[in-house]
Amino acid sequence: MILNDKIPGYLLGKYQLIGTVTFAVLFAVVFLNIYIPFSDTAWFGLGDSIMFAHTVIFIAGSILMLILSRILMYRSKKIMQLTYLTYTLWCAIEIISICGFYTGLTFDMPLGSNETRWEIFTRALLYGAIALGIPYIIAGMYFAIIDKNNTIRLMNYENVVTDEPVKPDMQMHKITLFDNSGALKLSLNPDSLYYIESDDNYIKVWYTDSKGELKQYMLRCRLKTVEESFKGSGLVRCNRKYIVNIHKVAMLRKESEGYVLDLSNETIPPLPVTKTYVDTVLSYFTDVQPLMDPID
């Protein structure tokens, strides 16, 4: 069930949480200015000193509650797994807490209304769900779209400015890595790339620089995105955690626990091939580009 699935990491990133709170506050301010003229219990105002003081207290208190809640959410991801259900409940508790805060301030104010505390709370809950629920949903959709953008792409070599001479037998492509804002972060030849390693919501790209030294570059991206972006290329998924450049494989070995890939760089430990990806890897050796015969 999707409610019990772990929520994607882009919802729990530091900048994503800051963006969600900022957008929610701005949306709520606009919504409240539209809502005030039609409400009997809305007391927000800047003219009367008492109303102004209560307005400042409510706005400052609500923002502080949201900030503290999101800080706690950010830190809690290290000690617990947040699912879609727990994330939804967390957001609901934020809304309920702020509506309760509003109800407490409203009930003690002389507004000339005969509404009970419960009636004030239920009305506040309705408008609070709109004022905060909608920006939460919009922010989540926005970050999902951003995360879906290809952060790793295969570009034509001609489109990349470089002083590196093009080899006659080189594929006319560059592997380019972008961050979620679309900014180019790294561009390298496929011949320099060894493998890509998953690290939670990030990936580590292992490659050699111009001096032949093994380097790593970390980028926020899912391994699934890489797999889909380079389908049909020399980058092959061999493990839940690894995508390997098949052209950098020096040996395919069969051990008691399964197949293992030895790369041409001796400093890189062997990469295991799990059962899920055995057929894909073996087919590449035997059918697509036979580098060597698998050892049984």
Protein backbone atom coordinates (compact mmCIF):
# COMPACT_ATOMS: atom_id res chain seq x y z
CA MET A 1 0.00 0.00 0.00
CA ILE A 2 1.37 3.38 -1.04
CA LEU A 3 0.60 5.00 2.35
CA ASN A 4 3.12 2.68 3.96
CA ASP A 5 5.80 3.39 1.36
CA LYS A 6 8.76 5.52 2.33
CA ILE A 7 8.35 9.07 1.11
CA PRO A 8 10.90 10.32 -1.45
CA GLY A 9 13.88 12.16 -0.05
CA TYR A 10 13.14 15.35 -1.99
CA LEU A 11 10.31 16.09 0.46
CA LEU A 12 12.71 16.01 3.39
CA GLY A 13 15.61 18.02 1.98
CA LYS A 14 16.68 21.13 3.88
CA TYR A 15 15.90 23.53 1.05
CA GLN A 16 12.67 21.74 0.19
CA LEU A 17 11.44 22.09 3.77
CA ILE A 18 12.40 25.77 3.86
CA GLY A 19 10.65 26.29 0.52
CA THR A 20 7.51 24.52 1.74
CA VAL A 21 7.26 26.68 4.87
CA THR A 22 7.94 29.89 2.92
CA PHE A 23 5.36 29.09 0.25
CA ALA A 24 2.78 27.99 2.85
CA VAL A 25 3.18 31.25 4.79
CA LEU A 26 2.86 33.42 1.68
CA PHE A 27 -0.15 31.45 0.45
CA ALA A 28 -1.82 31.66 3.88
CA VAL A 29 -1.31 35.43 4.05
CA VAL A 30 -2.97 35.90 0.66
CA PHE A 31 -5.77 33.51 1.55
CA LEU A 32 -6.47 35.21 4.91
CA ASN A 33 -6.75 38.60 3.25
CA ILE A 34 -9.44 37.15 0.98
CA TYR A 35 -11.12 35.26 3.83
CA ILE A 36 -11.32 38.02 6.47
CA PRO A 37 -14.18 40.06 4.93
CA PHE A 38 -16.45 36.99 4.90
CA SER A 39 -15.79 35.76 8.45
CA ASP A 40 -17.46 36.72 11.71
CA THR A 41 -14.58 35.46 13.82
CA ALA A 42 -11.66 36.86 11.82
CA TRP A 43 -10.04 39.59 13.86
CA PHE A 44 -6.81 40.18 11.93
CA GLY A 45 -6.03 43.84 11.59
CA LEU A 46 -3.38 46.54 11.77
CA GLY A 47 -5.39 49.52 12.99
CA ASP A 48 -6.58 48.61 16.47
CA SER A 49 -3.69 48.09 18.88
CA ILE A 50 -5.22 44.99 20.51
CA MET A 51 -6.07 43.42 17.16
CA PHE A 52 -2.63 44.28 15.85
CA ALA A 53 -0.93 42.69 18.85
CA HIS A 54 -3.00 39.52 18.52
CA THR A 55 -2.33 39.44 14.77
CA VAL A 56 1.42 39.66 15.31
CA ILE A 57 1.28 37.02 18.04
CA PHE A 58 -0.71 34.63 15.86
CA ILE A 59 1.39 35.07 12.73
CA ALA A 60 4.71 34.90 14.58
CA GLY A 61 3.55 31.94 16.68
CA SER A 62 2.25 30.03 13.64
CA ILE A 63 5.44 30.56 11.67
CA LEU A 64 7.51 29.48 14.66
CA MET A 65 5.39 26.33 15.03
CA LEU A 66 5.90 25.47 11.36
CA ILE A 67 9.65 26.09 11.52
CA LEU A 68 10.10 23.99 14.66
CA SER A 69 7.95 21.23 13.20
CA ARG A 70 9.95 21.10 9.95
CA ILE A 71 13.27 21.16 11.83
CA LEU A 72 12.05 18.20 13.85
CA MET A 73 10.91 16.47 10.65
CA TYR A 74 14.31 17.06 9.03
CA ARG A 75 16.16 15.60 12.00
CA SER A 76 13.76 12.72 12.52
CA LYS A 77 14.58 11.23 9.10
CA LYS A 78 17.90 10.09 10.55
CA ILE A 79 16.26 8.04 13.31
CA MET A 80 12.97 6.93 11.77
CA GLN A 81 11.48 6.15 8.39
CA LEU A 82 8.77 8.56 7.33
CA THR A 83 6.06 7.04 5.15
CA TYR A 84 3.39 8.80 3.13
CA LEU A 85 0.98 8.11 5.99
CA THR A 86 3.21 9.54 8.72
CA TYR A 87 4.06 12.56 6.55
CA THR A 88 0.35 13.23 5.96
CA LEU A 89 -0.42 12.87 9.67
CA TRP A 90 2.49 15.18 10.47
CA CYS A 91 1.11 17.87 8.17
CA ALA A 92 -2.38 17.36 9.64
CA ILE A 93 -1.03 17.82 13.18
CA GLU A 94 0.63 21.07 12.08
CA ILE A 95 -2.69 22.36 10.75
CA ILE A 96 -4.64 21.22 13.83
CA SER A 97 -2.08 22.81 16.18
CA ILE A 98 -2.22 26.17 14.42
CA CYS A 99 -6.03 26.08 14.32
CA GLY A 100 -6.07 25.30 18.04
CA PHE A 101 -3.76 28.25 18.63
CA TYR A 102 -6.10 30.48 16.63
CA THR A 103 -9.14 29.20 18.53
CA GLY A 104 -7.52 29.97 21.88
CA LEU A 105 -6.77 33.54 20.86
CA THR A 106 -10.18 34.08 19.26
CA PHE A 107 -12.35 32.73 22.09
CA ASP A 108 -11.02 35.25 24.60
CA MET A 109 -11.54 38.26 22.32
CA PRO A 110 -14.67 40.47 22.44
CA LEU A 111 -15.85 39.96 18.87
CA GLY A 112 -19.58 40.02 19.56
CA SER A 113 -19.96 36.44 18.33
CA ASN A 114 -21.91 33.74 20.16
CA GLU A 115 -19.94 30.88 18.64
CA THR A 116 -18.61 28.23 20.98
CA ARG A 117 -14.98 27.26 21.18
CA TRP A 118 -15.72 24.09 19.17
CA GLU A 119 -17.54 26.05 16.45
CA ILE A 120 -14.63 28.45 16.15
CA PHE A 121 -12.20 25.55 15.97
CA THR A 122 -14.14 23.64 13.28
CA ARG A 123 -14.39 26.76 11.13
CA ALA A 124 -10.70 27.49 11.66
CA LEU A 125 -9.90 23.88 10.75
CA LEU A 126 -11.77 24.21 7.47
CA TYR A 127 -9.95 27.36 6.43
CA GLY A 128 -6.67 26.14 7.90
CA ALA A 129 -6.85 23.01 5.75
CA ILE A 130 -7.22 25.26 2.71
CA ALA A 131 -4.61 27.84 3.74
CA LEU A 132 -1.95 25.22 4.55
CA GLY A 133 -3.12 22.03 2.87
CA ILE A 134 -3.17 23.48 -0.63
CA PRO A 135 0.38 24.94 -0.50
CA TYR A 136 1.64 21.66 0.99
CA ILE A 137 0.19 19.77 -1.98
CA ILE A 138 1.43 22.30 -4.54
CA ALA A 139 4.92 22.36 -3.01
CA GLY A 140 5.07 18.56 -3.00
CA MET A 141 4.03 18.42 -6.67
CA TYR A 142 6.56 21.11 -7.58
CA PHE A 143 9.45 19.30 -5.90
CA ALA A 144 8.33 16.04 -7.50
CA ILE A 145 8.46 17.64 -10.94
CA ILE A 146 11.88 19.12 -10.22
CA ASP A 147 13.14 15.75 -9.02
CA LYS A 148 11.80 14.06 -12.15
CA ASN A 149 13.90 16.30 -14.39
CA ASN A 150 16.83 14.48 -15.90
CA THR A 151 19.81 15.33 -13.74
CA ILE A 152 22.00 13.11 -15.86
CA ARG A 153 21.83 13.36 -19.60
CA LEU A 154 23.63 12.10 -22.67
CA MET A 155 24.63 15.05 -24.84
CA ASN A 156 26.15 15.32 -28.26
CA TYR A 157 29.89 15.85 -28.05
CA GLU A 158 29.60 18.72 -30.51
CA ASN A 159 27.44 20.65 -28.05
CA VAL A 160 30.07 20.62 -25.30
CA VAL A 161 32.84 23.21 -25.24
CA THR A 162 36.08 21.38 -24.56
CA ASP A 163 39.76 21.54 -25.48
CA GLU A 164 40.02 17.75 -25.48
CA PRO A 165 40.70 16.27 -28.94
CA VAL A 166 38.06 13.90 -30.26
CA LYS A 167 39.36 10.42 -30.93
CA PRO A 168 38.32 8.89 -34.25
CA ASP A 169 36.77 5.83 -32.59
CA MET A 170 35.19 7.77 -29.71
CA GLN A 171 31.44 7.91 -29.37
CA MET A 172 30.31 11.45 -30.12
CA HIS A 173 28.66 11.90 -26.74
CA LYS A 174 29.35 13.35 -23.36
CA ILE A 175 27.83 12.32 -20.06
CA THR A 176 26.65 15.51 -18.40
CA LEU A 177 25.45 15.87 -14.82
CA PHE A 178 23.01 18.59 -13.83
CA ASP A 179 21.61 19.53 -10.45
CA ASN A 180 17.87 19.92 -9.83
CA SER A 181 17.96 23.58 -10.88
CA GLY A 182 19.32 22.59 -14.30
CA ALA A 183 22.84 23.89 -13.71
CA LEU A 184 25.62 21.90 -15.36
CA LYS A 185 27.86 20.37 -12.69
CA LEU A 186 30.05 17.82 -14.46
CA SER A 187 30.76 16.70 -18.01
CA LEU A 188 32.90 13.69 -18.81
CA ASN A 189 33.61 11.18 -21.54
CA PRO A 190 31.90 7.80 -21.19
CA ASP A 191 35.42 6.33 -21.40
CA SER A 192 36.31 8.03 -18.08
CA LEU A 193 33.31 6.70 -16.17
CA TYR A 194 33.66 3.44 -14.21
CA TYR A 195 30.48 3.04 -12.23
CA ILE A 196 27.70 4.89 -10.42
CA GLU A 197 26.81 4.09 -6.85
CA SER A 198 23.52 4.76 -5.07
CA ASP A 199 23.75 6.52 -1.72
CA ASP A 200 20.22 7.02 -0.35
CA ASN A 201 18.75 9.88 -2.41
CA TYR A 202 22.11 10.72 -3.98
CA ILE A 203 24.45 9.00 -6.39
CA LYS A 204 28.22 8.82 -6.45
CA VAL A 205 29.77 8.95 -9.90
CA TRP A 206 33.17 7.26 -9.95
CA TYR A 207 35.44 8.38 -12.77
CA THR A 208 39.08 9.13 -13.61
CA ASP A 209 40.30 12.68 -14.18
CA SER A 210 42.83 13.88 -16.73
CA LYS A 211 45.66 12.56 -14.52
CA GLY A 212 44.13 9.10 -14.36
CA GLU A 213 43.22 9.44 -10.68
CA LEU A 214 39.98 7.89 -9.49
CA LYS A 215 37.53 10.55 -8.33
CA GLN A 216 33.95 10.62 -7.13
CA TYR A 217 31.24 13.19 -7.67
CA MET A 218 28.08 13.22 -5.58
CA LEU A 219 24.82 14.40 -7.07
CA ARG A 220 21.23 14.40 -5.87
CA CYS A 221 19.60 11.91 -8.19
CA ARG A 222 17.97 8.50 -8.08
CA LEU A 223 19.73 5.53 -9.61
CA LYS A 224 16.47 4.72 -11.40
CA THR A 225 16.74 8.03 -13.25
CA VAL A 226 20.23 7.11 -14.45
CA GLU A 227 19.05 3.67 -15.55
CA GLU A 228 16.19 5.15 -17.56
CA SER A 229 18.32 7.94 -19.05
CA PHE A 230 21.00 5.58 -20.36
CA LYS A 231 18.89 2.63 -21.41
CA GLY A 232 20.57 0.85 -24.31
CA SER A 233 24.01 2.37 -23.61
CA GLY A 234 27.09 0.85 -22.03
CA LEU A 235 25.85 1.77 -18.55
CA VAL A 236 24.26 -1.38 -17.16
CA ARG A 237 22.50 -1.99 -13.86
CA CYS A 238 24.23 -4.89 -12.12
CA ASN A 239 22.99 -4.42 -8.59
CA ARG A 240 20.36 -2.55 -6.62
CA LYS A 241 23.16 -0.20 -5.64
CA TYR A 242 25.36 -0.06 -8.76
CA ILE A 243 25.33 0.85 -12.43
CA VAL A 244 28.54 -0.15 -14.16
CA ASN A 245 30.17 1.01 -17.38
CA ILE A 246 30.40 -2.33 -19.15
CA HIS A 247 33.34 -1.05 -21.21
CA LYS A 248 35.39 -0.79 -18.02
CA VAL A 249 34.86 -4.41 -17.01
CA ALA A 250 38.11 -6.37 -17.12
CA MET A 251 36.69 -9.70 -15.99
CA LEU A 252 33.40 -11.38 -15.24
CA ARG A 253 33.82 -14.06 -12.58
CA LYS A 254 31.45 -16.72 -11.32
CA GLU A 255 31.80 -17.32 -7.60
CA SER A 256 29.85 -19.41 -5.11
CA GLU A 257 27.56 -16.49 -4.27
CA GLY A 258 27.08 -15.39 -7.88
CA TYR A 259 28.75 -13.34 -10.59
CA VAL A 260 31.24 -10.58 -9.81
CA LEU A 261 32.59 -7.82 -12.06
CA ASP A 262 36.25 -6.82 -11.86
CA LEU A 263 36.85 -3.38 -13.31
CA SER A 264 39.99 -2.30 -15.14
CA ASN A 265 40.98 -0.03 -12.25
CA GLU A 266 42.51 -2.21 -9.53
CA THR A 267 41.64 0.25 -6.77
CA ILE A 268 37.94 -0.41 -7.31
CA PRO A 269 36.61 -3.41 -5.39
CA PRO A 270 34.67 -6.07 -7.35
CA LEU A 271 31.03 -5.23 -7.98
CA PRO A 272 28.52 -8.00 -7.29
CA VAL A 273 25.88 -8.94 -9.84
CA THR A 274 22.62 -9.82 -8.11
CA LYS A 275 20.16 -12.39 -9.48
CA THR A 276 17.75 -9.71 -10.66
CA TYR A 277 20.31 -8.32 -13.12
CA VAL A 278 22.29 -11.45 -14.04
CA ASP A 279 20.46 -12.02 -17.34
CA THR A 280 20.88 -8.39 -18.37
CA VAL A 281 24.61 -8.39 -17.66
CA LEU A 282 25.24 -11.78 -19.28
CA SER A 283 23.26 -10.85 -22.38
CA TYR A 284 25.44 -7.81 -22.82
CA PHE A 285 28.56 -9.96 -22.71
CA THR A 286 27.27 -12.67 -25.02
CA ASP A 287 24.98 -10.82 -27.40
CA VAL A 288 25.54 -7.08 -27.43
CA GLN A 289 29.23 -6.51 -26.98
CA PRO A 290 31.21 -9.65 -26.04
CA LEU A 291 34.22 -8.38 -24.15
CA MET A 292 35.06 -11.83 -22.85
CA ASP A 293 33.51 -15.21 -22.22
CA PRO A 294 31.83 -15.62 -18.82
CA ILE A 295 33.63 -18.06 -16.56
CA ASP A 296 31.36 -20.82 -15.29
